[in-house]
Amino acid sequence: MLATVDAVLAARNNDAEILGVIDLTSKTEARLGTTRLGDAIQFVANASVLGYDVRAAMVFYGERGTPSLRTRDCEALWAQYGAALLQS
């Protein structure tokens, strides 16, 4: 995962899109819009305590073909590199 970590840290300020997040209150897919990759990772890693189901969440960033991040990827990245992901 080292190459992925380096790529994610380098792209932490790039635009990202989060899909597959369910708002448990309304039982609908949340429309989150575009955000910074570091913020997207933070959101997905912590969304379950905010009332969201992120089991199917995917974070898309970078050029077409860049691997997306799944919930477990976001949780692992946030746990190890949280502070670095939020730096500008």
PDB file of N, CA and C in Angstrom:
ATOM      1  N   MET A   1       0.811  -1.203   0.000  1.00  0.00           N
ATOM      2  CA  MET A   1       0.000   0.000   0.000  1.00  0.00           C
ATOM      3  C   MET A   1       0.852   1.263   0.000  1.00  0.00           C
ATOM      4  N   LEU A   2       2.178   1.125   0.077  1.00  0.00           N
ATOM      5  CA  LEU A   2       3.059   2.292   0.155  1.00  0.00           C
ATOM      6  C   LEU A   2       2.889   3.214  -1.044  1.00  0.00           C
ATOM      7  N   ALA A   3       2.819   2.661  -2.262  1.00  0.00           N
ATOM      8  CA  ALA A   3       2.631   3.504  -3.443  1.00  0.00           C
ATOM      9  C   ALA A   3       1.306   4.252  -3.347  1.00  0.00           C
ATOM     10  N   THR A   4       0.274   3.594  -2.862  1.00  0.00           N
ATOM     11  CA  THR A   4      -1.033   4.223  -2.706  1.00  0.00           C
ATOM     12  C   THR A   4      -0.954   5.337  -1.670  1.00  0.00           C
ATOM     13  N   VAL A   5      -0.288   5.096  -0.572  1.00  0.00           N
ATOM     14  CA  VAL A   5      -0.153   6.117   0.471  1.00  0.00           C
ATOM     15  C   VAL A   5       0.560   7.338  -0.088  1.00  0.00           C
ATOM     16  N   ASP A   6       1.651   7.136  -0.779  1.00  0.00           N
ATOM     17  CA  ASP A   6       2.388   8.258  -1.360  1.00  0.00           C
ATOM     18  C   ASP A   6       1.524   9.028  -2.348  1.00  0.00           C
ATOM     19  N   ALA A   7       0.794   8.306  -3.197  1.00  0.00           N
ATOM     20  CA  ALA A   7      -0.076   8.959  -4.183  1.00  0.00           C
ATOM     21  C   ALA A   7      -1.197   9.733  -3.502  1.00  0.00           C
ATOM     22  N   VAL A   8      -1.785   9.146  -2.474  1.00  0.00           N
ATOM     23  CA  VAL A   8      -2.881   9.810  -1.757  1.00  0.00           C
ATOM     24  C   VAL A   8      -2.377  11.047  -1.030  1.00  0.00           C
ATOM     25  N   LEU A   9      -1.244  10.941  -0.364  1.00  0.00           N
ATOM     26  CA  LEU A   9      -0.704  12.107   0.339  1.00  0.00           C
ATOM     27  C   LEU A   9      -0.343  13.225  -0.643  1.00  0.00           C
ATOM     28  N   ALA A  10       0.177  12.868  -1.803  1.00  0.00           N
ATOM     29  CA  ALA A  10       0.507  13.871  -2.811  1.00  0.00           C
ATOM     30  C   ALA A  10      -0.750  14.533  -3.368  1.00  0.00           C
ATOM     31  N   ALA A  11      -1.848  13.787  -3.408  1.00  0.00           N
ATOM     32  CA  ALA A  11      -3.103  14.290  -3.995  1.00  0.00           C
ATOM     33  C   ALA A  11      -4.093  14.793  -2.951  1.00  0.00           C
ATOM     34  N   ARG A  12      -3.712  14.889  -1.697  1.00  0.00           N
ATOM     35  CA  ARG A  12      -4.648  15.188  -0.610  1.00  0.00           C
ATOM     36  C   ARG A  12      -5.426  16.487  -0.793  1.00  0.00           C
ATOM     37  N   ASN A  13      -4.886  17.429  -1.570  1.00  0.00           N
ATOM     38  CA  ASN A  13      -5.572  18.700  -1.808  1.00  0.00           C
ATOM     39  C   ASN A  13      -6.339  18.729  -3.126  1.00  0.00           C
ATOM     40  N   ASN A  14      -6.300  17.634  -3.873  1.00  0.00           N
ATOM     41  CA  ASN A  14      -7.021  17.550  -5.141  1.00  0.00           C
ATOM     42  C   ASN A  14      -8.493  17.272  -4.887  1.00  0.00           C
ATOM     43  N   ASP A  15      -9.312  17.565  -5.884  1.00  0.00           N
ATOM     44  CA  ASP A  15     -10.745  17.302  -5.784  1.00  0.00           C
ATOM     45  C   ASP A  15     -11.035  15.813  -5.733  1.00  0.00           C
ATOM     46  N   ALA A  16     -12.038  15.463  -4.948  1.00  0.00           N
ATOM     47  CA  ALA A  16     -12.488  14.073  -4.824  1.00  0.00           C
ATOM     48  C   ALA A  16     -14.005  14.063  -4.747  1.00  0.00           C
ATOM     49  N   GLU A  17     -14.577  12.939  -5.131  1.00  0.00           N
ATOM     50  CA  GLU A  17     -16.022  12.754  -5.063  1.00  0.00           C
ATOM     51  C   GLU A  17     -16.310  11.485  -4.280  1.00  0.00           C
ATOM     52  N   ILE A  18     -17.276  11.566  -3.382  1.00  0.00           N
ATOM     53  CA  ILE A  18     -17.674  10.420  -2.560  1.00  0.00           C
ATOM     54  C   ILE A  18     -19.037   9.934  -3.041  1.00  0.00           C
ATOM     55  N   LEU A  19     -19.116   8.660  -3.353  1.00  0.00           N
ATOM     56  CA  LEU A  19     -20.382   8.047  -3.767  1.00  0.00           C
ATOM     57  C   LEU A  19     -20.677   6.847  -2.875  1.00  0.00           C
ATOM     58  N   GLY A  20     -21.938   6.472  -2.795  1.00  0.00           N
ATOM     59  CA  GLY A  20     -22.321   5.273  -2.063  1.00  0.00           C
ATOM     60  C   GLY A  20     -22.530   5.462  -0.578  1.00  0.00           C
ATOM     61  N   VAL A  21     -22.722   6.701  -0.128  1.00  0.00           N
ATOM     62  CA  VAL A  21     -22.961   6.989   1.284  1.00  0.00           C
ATOM     63  C   VAL A  21     -24.468   7.124   1.498  1.00  0.00           C
ATOM     64  N   ILE A  22     -24.995   6.377   2.445  1.00  0.00           N
ATOM     65  CA  ILE A  22     -26.426   6.396   2.738  1.00  0.00           C
ATOM     66  C   ILE A  22     -26.675   7.166   4.032  1.00  0.00           C
ATOM     67  N   ASP A  23     -27.570   8.154   3.963  1.00  0.00           N
ATOM     68  CA  ASP A  23     -28.011   8.901   5.142  1.00  0.00           C
ATOM     69  C   ASP A  23     -29.035   8.021   5.853  1.00  0.00           C
ATOM     70  N   LEU A  24     -28.710   7.574   7.049  1.00  0.00           N
ATOM     71  CA  LEU A  24     -29.589   6.647   7.770  1.00  0.00           C
ATOM     72  C   LEU A  24     -30.887   7.292   8.238  1.00  0.00           C
ATOM     73  N   THR A  25     -30.922   8.601   8.343  1.00  0.00           N
ATOM     74  CA  THR A  25     -32.145   9.295   8.742  1.00  0.00           C
ATOM     75  C   THR A  25     -33.183   9.255   7.622  1.00  0.00           C
ATOM     76  N   SER A  26     -32.752   9.595   6.411  1.00  0.00           N
ATOM     77  CA  SER A  26     -33.685   9.650   5.276  1.00  0.00           C
ATOM     78  C   SER A  26     -33.688   8.375   4.439  1.00  0.00           C
ATOM     79  N   LYS A  27     -32.733   7.481   4.707  1.00  0.00           N
ATOM     80  CA  LYS A  27     -32.597   6.222   3.950  1.00  0.00           C
ATOM     81  C   LYS A  27     -32.350   6.469   2.465  1.00  0.00           C
ATOM     82  N   THR A  28     -31.660   7.556   2.135  1.00  0.00           N
ATOM     83  CA  THR A  28     -31.335   7.882   0.754  1.00  0.00           C
ATOM     84  C   THR A  28     -29.833   8.110   0.617  1.00  0.00           C
ATOM     85  N   GLU A  29     -29.367   8.037  -0.629  1.00  0.00           N
ATOM     86  CA  GLU A  29     -27.954   8.301  -0.859  1.00  0.00           C
ATOM     87  C   GLU A  29     -27.674   9.782  -0.619  1.00  0.00           C
ATOM     88  N   ALA A  30     -26.664  10.052   0.168  1.00  0.00           N
ATOM     89  CA  ALA A  30     -26.280  11.431   0.481  1.00  0.00           C
ATOM     90  C   ALA A  30     -25.578  12.053  -0.723  1.00  0.00           C
ATOM     91  N   ARG A  31     -25.930  13.279  -1.018  1.00  0.00           N
ATOM     92  CA  ARG A  31     -25.274  14.030  -2.091  1.00  0.00           C
ATOM     93  C   ARG A  31     -24.250  14.939  -1.445  1.00  0.00           C
ATOM     94  N   LEU A  32     -23.001  14.570  -1.558  1.00  0.00           N
ATOM     95  CA  LEU A  32     -21.952  15.259  -0.821  1.00  0.00           C
ATOM     96  C   LEU A  32     -21.172  16.260  -1.646  1.00  0.00           C
ATOM     97  N   GLY A  33     -21.238  16.200  -2.954  1.00  0.00           N
ATOM     98  CA  GLY A  33     -20.506  17.141  -3.789  1.00  0.00           C
ATOM     99  C   GLY A  33     -19.019  16.846  -3.806  1.00  0.00           C
ATOM    100  N   THR A  34     -18.286  17.763  -4.385  1.00  0.00           N
ATOM    101  CA  THR A  34     -16.837  17.624  -4.512  1.00  0.00           C
ATOM    102  C   THR A  34     -16.153  18.259  -3.307  1.00  0.00           C
ATOM    103  N   THR A  35     -15.094  17.612  -2.833  1.00  0.00           N
ATOM    104  CA  THR A  35     -14.335  18.108  -1.696  1.00  0.00           C
ATOM    105  C   THR A  35     -12.868  17.735  -1.884  1.00  0.00           C
ATOM    106  N   ARG A  36     -12.026  18.198  -1.011  1.00  0.00           N
ATOM    107  CA  ARG A  36     -10.603  17.802  -1.023  1.00  0.00           C
ATOM    108  C   ARG A  36     -10.489  16.321  -0.694  1.00  0.00           C
ATOM    109  N   LEU A  37      -9.515  15.651  -1.274  1.00  0.00           N
ATOM    110  CA  LEU A  37      -9.316  14.231  -1.013  1.00  0.00           C
ATOM    111  C   LEU A  37      -9.076  13.969   0.471  1.00  0.00           C
ATOM    112  N   GLY A  38      -8.265  14.764   1.130  1.00  0.00           N
ATOM    113  CA  GLY A  38      -8.008  14.565   2.562  1.00  0.00           C
ATOM    114  C   GLY A  38      -9.280  14.663   3.385  1.00  0.00           C
ATOM    115  N   ASP A  39     -10.141  15.625   3.039  1.00  0.00           N
ATOM    116  CA  ASP A  39     -11.415  15.776   3.741  1.00  0.00           C
ATOM    117  C   ASP A  39     -12.356  14.613   3.443  1.00  0.00           C
ATOM    118  N   ALA A  40     -12.328  14.130   2.208  1.00  0.00           N
ATOM    119  CA  ALA A  40     -13.173  12.990   1.826  1.00  0.00           C
ATOM    120  C   ALA A  40     -12.786  11.746   2.621  1.00  0.00           C
ATOM    121  N   ILE A  41     -11.502  11.514   2.766  1.00  0.00           N
ATOM    122  CA  ILE A  41     -11.023  10.366   3.542  1.00  0.00           C
ATOM    123  C   ILE A  41     -11.456  10.508   4.996  1.00  0.00           C
ATOM    124  N   GLN A  42     -11.299  11.697   5.570  1.00  0.00           N
ATOM    125  CA  GLN A  42     -11.719  11.941   6.945  1.00  0.00           C
ATOM    126  C   GLN A  42     -13.214  11.670   7.108  1.00  0.00           C
ATOM    127  N   PHE A  43     -14.024  12.174   6.174  1.00  0.00           N
ATOM    128  CA  PHE A  43     -15.468  11.989   6.265  1.00  0.00           C
ATOM    129  C   PHE A  43     -15.833  10.509   6.240  1.00  0.00           C
ATOM    130  N   VAL A  44     -15.331   9.777   5.264  1.00  0.00           N
ATOM    131  CA  VAL A  44     -15.690   8.360   5.144  1.00  0.00           C
ATOM    132  C   VAL A  44     -15.213   7.573   6.368  1.00  0.00           C
ATOM    133  N   ALA A  45     -14.034   7.885   6.866  1.00  0.00           N
ATOM    134  CA  ALA A  45     -13.492   7.175   8.030  1.00  0.00           C
ATOM    135  C   ALA A  45     -14.331   7.399   9.287  1.00  0.00           C
ATOM    136  N   ASN A  46     -15.001   8.552   9.371  1.00  0.00           N
ATOM    137  CA  ASN A  46     -15.748   8.900  10.583  1.00  0.00           C
ATOM    138  C   ASN A  46     -17.256   8.995  10.392  1.00  0.00           C
ATOM    139  N   ALA A  47     -17.754   8.725   9.209  1.00  0.00           N
ATOM    140  CA  ALA A  47     -19.159   8.959   8.873  1.00  0.00           C
ATOM    141  C   ALA A  47     -20.142   8.092   9.657  1.00  0.00           C
ATOM    142  N   SER A  48     -19.732   6.915  10.047  1.00  0.00           N
ATOM    143  CA  SER A  48     -20.675   6.034  10.748  1.00  0.00           C
ATOM    144  C   SER A  48     -21.150   6.640  12.066  1.00  0.00           C
ATOM    145  N   VAL A  49     -20.309   7.418  12.740  1.00  0.00           N
ATOM    146  CA  VAL A  49     -20.729   8.055  13.992  1.00  0.00           C
ATOM    147  C   VAL A  49     -21.585   9.294  13.742  1.00  0.00           C
ATOM    148  N   LEU A  50     -21.639   9.733  12.487  1.00  0.00           N
ATOM    149  CA  LEU A  50     -22.445  10.898  12.120  1.00  0.00           C
ATOM    150  C   LEU A  50     -23.798  10.503  11.536  1.00  0.00           C
ATOM    151  N   GLY A  51     -24.101   9.208  11.522  1.00  0.00           N
ATOM    152  CA  GLY A  51     -25.398   8.757  11.035  1.00  0.00           C
ATOM    153  C   GLY A  51     -25.433   8.371   9.570  1.00  0.00           C
ATOM    154  N   TYR A  52     -24.298   7.946   9.034  1.00  0.00           N
ATOM    155  CA  TYR A  52     -24.219   7.518   7.646  1.00  0.00           C
ATOM    156  C   TYR A  52     -23.770   6.067   7.561  1.00  0.00           C
ATOM    157  N   ASP A  53     -24.261   5.372   6.557  1.00  0.00           N
ATOM    158  CA  ASP A  53     -23.818   4.018   6.241  1.00  0.00           C
ATOM    159  C   ASP A  53     -22.827   4.148   5.095  1.00  0.00           C
ATOM    160  N   VAL A  54     -21.580   3.780   5.335  1.00  0.00           N
ATOM    161  CA  VAL A  54     -20.536   3.929   4.328  1.00  0.00           C
ATOM    162  C   VAL A  54     -19.997   2.589   3.841  1.00  0.00           C
ATOM    163  N   ARG A  55     -20.752   1.523   4.083  1.00  0.00           N
ATOM    164  CA  ARG A  55     -20.273   0.195   3.652  1.00  0.00           C
ATOM    165  C   ARG A  55     -20.017   0.129   2.158  1.00  0.00           C
ATOM    166  N   ALA A  56     -20.760   0.868   1.369  1.00  0.00           N
ATOM    167  CA  ALA A  56     -20.601   0.848  -0.091  1.00  0.00           C
ATOM    168  C   ALA A  56     -19.899   2.096  -0.615  1.00  0.00           C
ATOM    169  N   ALA A  57     -19.339   2.891   0.267  1.00  0.00           N
ATOM    170  CA  ALA A  57     -18.731   4.160  -0.153  1.00  0.00           C
ATOM    171  C   ALA A  57     -17.473   3.944  -0.987  1.00  0.00           C
ATOM    172  N   MET A  58     -17.307   4.838  -1.954  1.00  0.00           N
ATOM    173  CA  MET A  58     -16.104   4.868  -2.779  1.00  0.00           C
ATOM    174  C   MET A  58     -15.694   6.324  -2.952  1.00  0.00           C
ATOM    175  N   VAL A  59     -14.396   6.582  -2.857  1.00  0.00           N
ATOM    176  CA  VAL A  59     -13.864   7.926  -3.054  1.00  0.00           C
ATOM    177  C   VAL A  59     -13.088   7.912  -4.376  1.00  0.00           C
ATOM    178  N   PHE A  60     -13.521   8.764  -5.298  1.00  0.00           N
ATOM    179  CA  PHE A  60     -12.878   8.881  -6.597  1.00  0.00           C
ATOM    180  C   PHE A  60     -12.065  10.167  -6.635  1.00  0.00           C
ATOM    181  N   TYR A  61     -10.845  10.076  -7.171  1.00  0.00           N
ATOM    182  CA  TYR A  61      -9.981  11.251  -7.286  1.00  0.00           C
ATOM    183  C   TYR A  61      -9.005  11.015  -8.428  1.00  0.00           C
ATOM    184  N   GLY A  62      -8.381  12.079  -8.857  1.00  0.00           N
ATOM    185  CA  GLY A  62      -7.344  11.960  -9.874  1.00  0.00           C
ATOM    186  C   GLY A  62      -7.894  11.669 -11.261  1.00  0.00           C
ATOM    187  N   GLU A  63      -6.989  11.290 -12.132  1.00  0.00           N
ATOM    188  CA  GLU A  63      -7.319  10.991 -13.520  1.00  0.00           C
ATOM    189  C   GLU A  63      -8.114   9.696 -13.608  1.00  0.00           C
ATOM    190  N   ARG A  64      -8.855   9.560 -14.704  1.00  0.00           N
ATOM    191  CA  ARG A  64      -9.591   8.317 -14.958  1.00  0.00           C
ATOM    192  C   ARG A  64      -8.600   7.156 -14.898  1.00  0.00           C
ATOM    193  N   GLY A  65      -8.976   6.111 -14.206  1.00  0.00           N
ATOM    194  CA  GLY A  65      -8.101   4.955 -14.050  1.00  0.00           C
ATOM    195  C   GLY A  65      -7.375   4.926 -12.713  1.00  0.00           C
ATOM    196  N   THR A  66      -7.384   6.050 -11.990  1.00  0.00           N
ATOM    197  CA  THR A  66      -6.800   6.058 -10.645  1.00  0.00           C
ATOM    198  C   THR A  66      -7.673   5.177  -9.760  1.00  0.00           C
ATOM    199  N   PRO A  67      -7.083   4.238  -9.031  1.00  0.00           N
ATOM    200  CA  PRO A  67      -7.912   3.373  -8.175  1.00  0.00           C
ATOM    201  C   PRO A  67      -8.715   4.191  -7.166  1.00  0.00           C
ATOM    202  N   SER A  68      -9.974   3.816  -6.981  1.00  0.00           N
ATOM    203  CA  SER A  68     -10.806   4.484  -5.977  1.00  0.00           C
ATOM    204  C   SER A  68     -10.460   3.938  -4.599  1.00  0.00           C
ATOM    205  N   LEU A  69     -10.866   4.677  -3.594  1.00  0.00           N
ATOM    206  CA  LEU A  69     -10.647   4.253  -2.211  1.00  0.00           C
ATOM    207  C   LEU A  69     -11.957   3.739  -1.644  1.00  0.00           C
ATOM    208  N   ARG A  70     -11.915   2.612  -0.974  1.00  0.00           N
ATOM    209  CA  ARG A  70     -13.084   2.043  -0.314  1.00  0.00           C
ATOM    210  C   ARG A  70     -13.054   2.462   1.162  1.00  0.00           C
ATOM    211  N   THR A  71     -14.092   2.128   1.886  1.00  0.00           N
ATOM    212  CA  THR A  71     -14.205   2.514   3.293  1.00  0.00           C
ATOM    213  C   THR A  71     -13.002   2.040   4.105  1.00  0.00           C
ATOM    214  N   ARG A  72     -12.623   0.779   3.959  1.00  0.00           N
ATOM    215  CA  ARG A  72     -11.490   0.258   4.751  1.00  0.00           C
ATOM    216  C   ARG A  72     -10.186   0.979   4.411  1.00  0.00           C
ATOM    217  N   ASP A  73     -10.019   1.393   3.131  1.00  0.00           N
ATOM    218  CA  ASP A  73      -8.833   2.165   2.751  1.00  0.00           C
ATOM    219  C   ASP A  73      -8.824   3.511   3.480  1.00  0.00           C
ATOM    220  N   CYS A  74      -9.985   4.173   3.488  1.00  0.00           N
ATOM    221  CA  CYS A  74     -10.096   5.474   4.152  1.00  0.00           C
ATOM    222  C   CYS A  74      -9.839   5.345   5.650  1.00  0.00           C
ATOM    223  N   GLU A  75     -10.390   4.313   6.264  1.00  0.00           N
ATOM    224  CA  GLU A  75     -10.181   4.107   7.703  1.00  0.00           C
ATOM    225  C   GLU A  75      -8.708   3.891   8.020  1.00  0.00           C
ATOM    226  N   ALA A  76      -8.027   3.075   7.209  1.00  0.00           N
ATOM    227  CA  ALA A  76      -6.606   2.798   7.437  1.00  0.00           C
ATOM    228  C   ALA A  76      -5.758   4.045   7.204  1.00  0.00           C
ATOM    229  N   LEU A  77      -6.040   4.766   6.119  1.00  0.00           N
ATOM    230  CA  LEU A  77      -5.293   5.990   5.838  1.00  0.00           C
ATOM    231  C   LEU A  77      -5.502   7.035   6.926  1.00  0.00           C
ATOM    232  N   TRP A  78      -6.748   7.192   7.373  1.00  0.00           N
ATOM    233  CA  TRP A  78      -7.053   8.175   8.407  1.00  0.00           C
ATOM    234  C   TRP A  78      -6.373   7.811   9.727  1.00  0.00           C
ATOM    235  N   ALA A  79      -6.393   6.543  10.076  1.00  0.00           N
ATOM    236  CA  ALA A  79      -5.788   6.093  11.336  1.00  0.00           C
ATOM    237  C   ALA A  79      -4.288   6.379  11.364  1.00  0.00           C
ATOM    238  N   GLN A  80      -3.612   6.211  10.247  1.00  0.00           N
ATOM    239  CA  GLN A  80      -2.157   6.385  10.228  1.00  0.00           C
ATOM    240  C   GLN A  80      -1.695   7.777   9.820  1.00  0.00           C
ATOM    241  N   TYR A  81      -2.441   8.421   8.924  1.00  0.00           N
ATOM    242  CA  TYR A  81      -1.953   9.656   8.321  1.00  0.00           C
ATOM    243  C   TYR A  81      -2.931  10.822   8.442  1.00  0.00           C
ATOM    244  N   GLY A  82      -3.851  10.758   9.395  1.00  0.00           N
ATOM    245  CA  GLY A  82      -4.892  11.756   9.523  1.00  0.00           C
ATOM    246  C   GLY A  82      -4.397  13.193   9.493  1.00  0.00           C
ATOM    247  N   ALA A  83      -3.436  13.507  10.315  1.00  0.00           N
ATOM    248  CA  ALA A  83      -2.940  14.886  10.384  1.00  0.00           C
ATOM    249  C   ALA A  83      -2.316  15.309   9.055  1.00  0.00           C
ATOM    250  N   ALA A  84      -1.567  14.434   8.430  1.00  0.00           N
ATOM    251  CA  ALA A  84      -0.919  14.751   7.152  1.00  0.00           C
ATOM    252  C   ALA A  84      -1.946  14.941   6.047  1.00  0.00           C
ATOM    253  N   LEU A  85      -3.054  14.220   6.105  1.00  0.00           N
ATOM    254  CA  LEU A  85      -4.089  14.337   5.078  1.00  0.00           C
ATOM    255  C   LEU A  85      -4.792  15.686   5.118  1.00  0.00           C
ATOM    256  N   LEU A  86      -4.812  16.332   6.271  1.00  0.00           N
ATOM    257  CA  LEU A  86      -5.494  17.618   6.402  1.00  0.00           C
ATOM    258  C   LEU A  86      -4.579  18.816   6.169  1.00  0.00           C
ATOM    259  N   GLN A  87      -3.281  18.584   6.026  1.00  0.00           N
ATOM    260  CA  GLN A  87      -2.348  19.683   5.773  1.00  0.00           C
ATOM    261  C   GLN A  87      -2.512  20.202   4.360  1.00  0.00           C
ATOM    262  N   SER A  88      -2.348  21.487   4.199  1.00  0.00           N
ATOM    263  CA  SER A  88      -2.419  22.103   2.861  1.00  0.00           C
ATOM    264  C   SER A  88      -1.101  21.992   2.152  1.00  0.00           C
TER     265      SER A  88
END
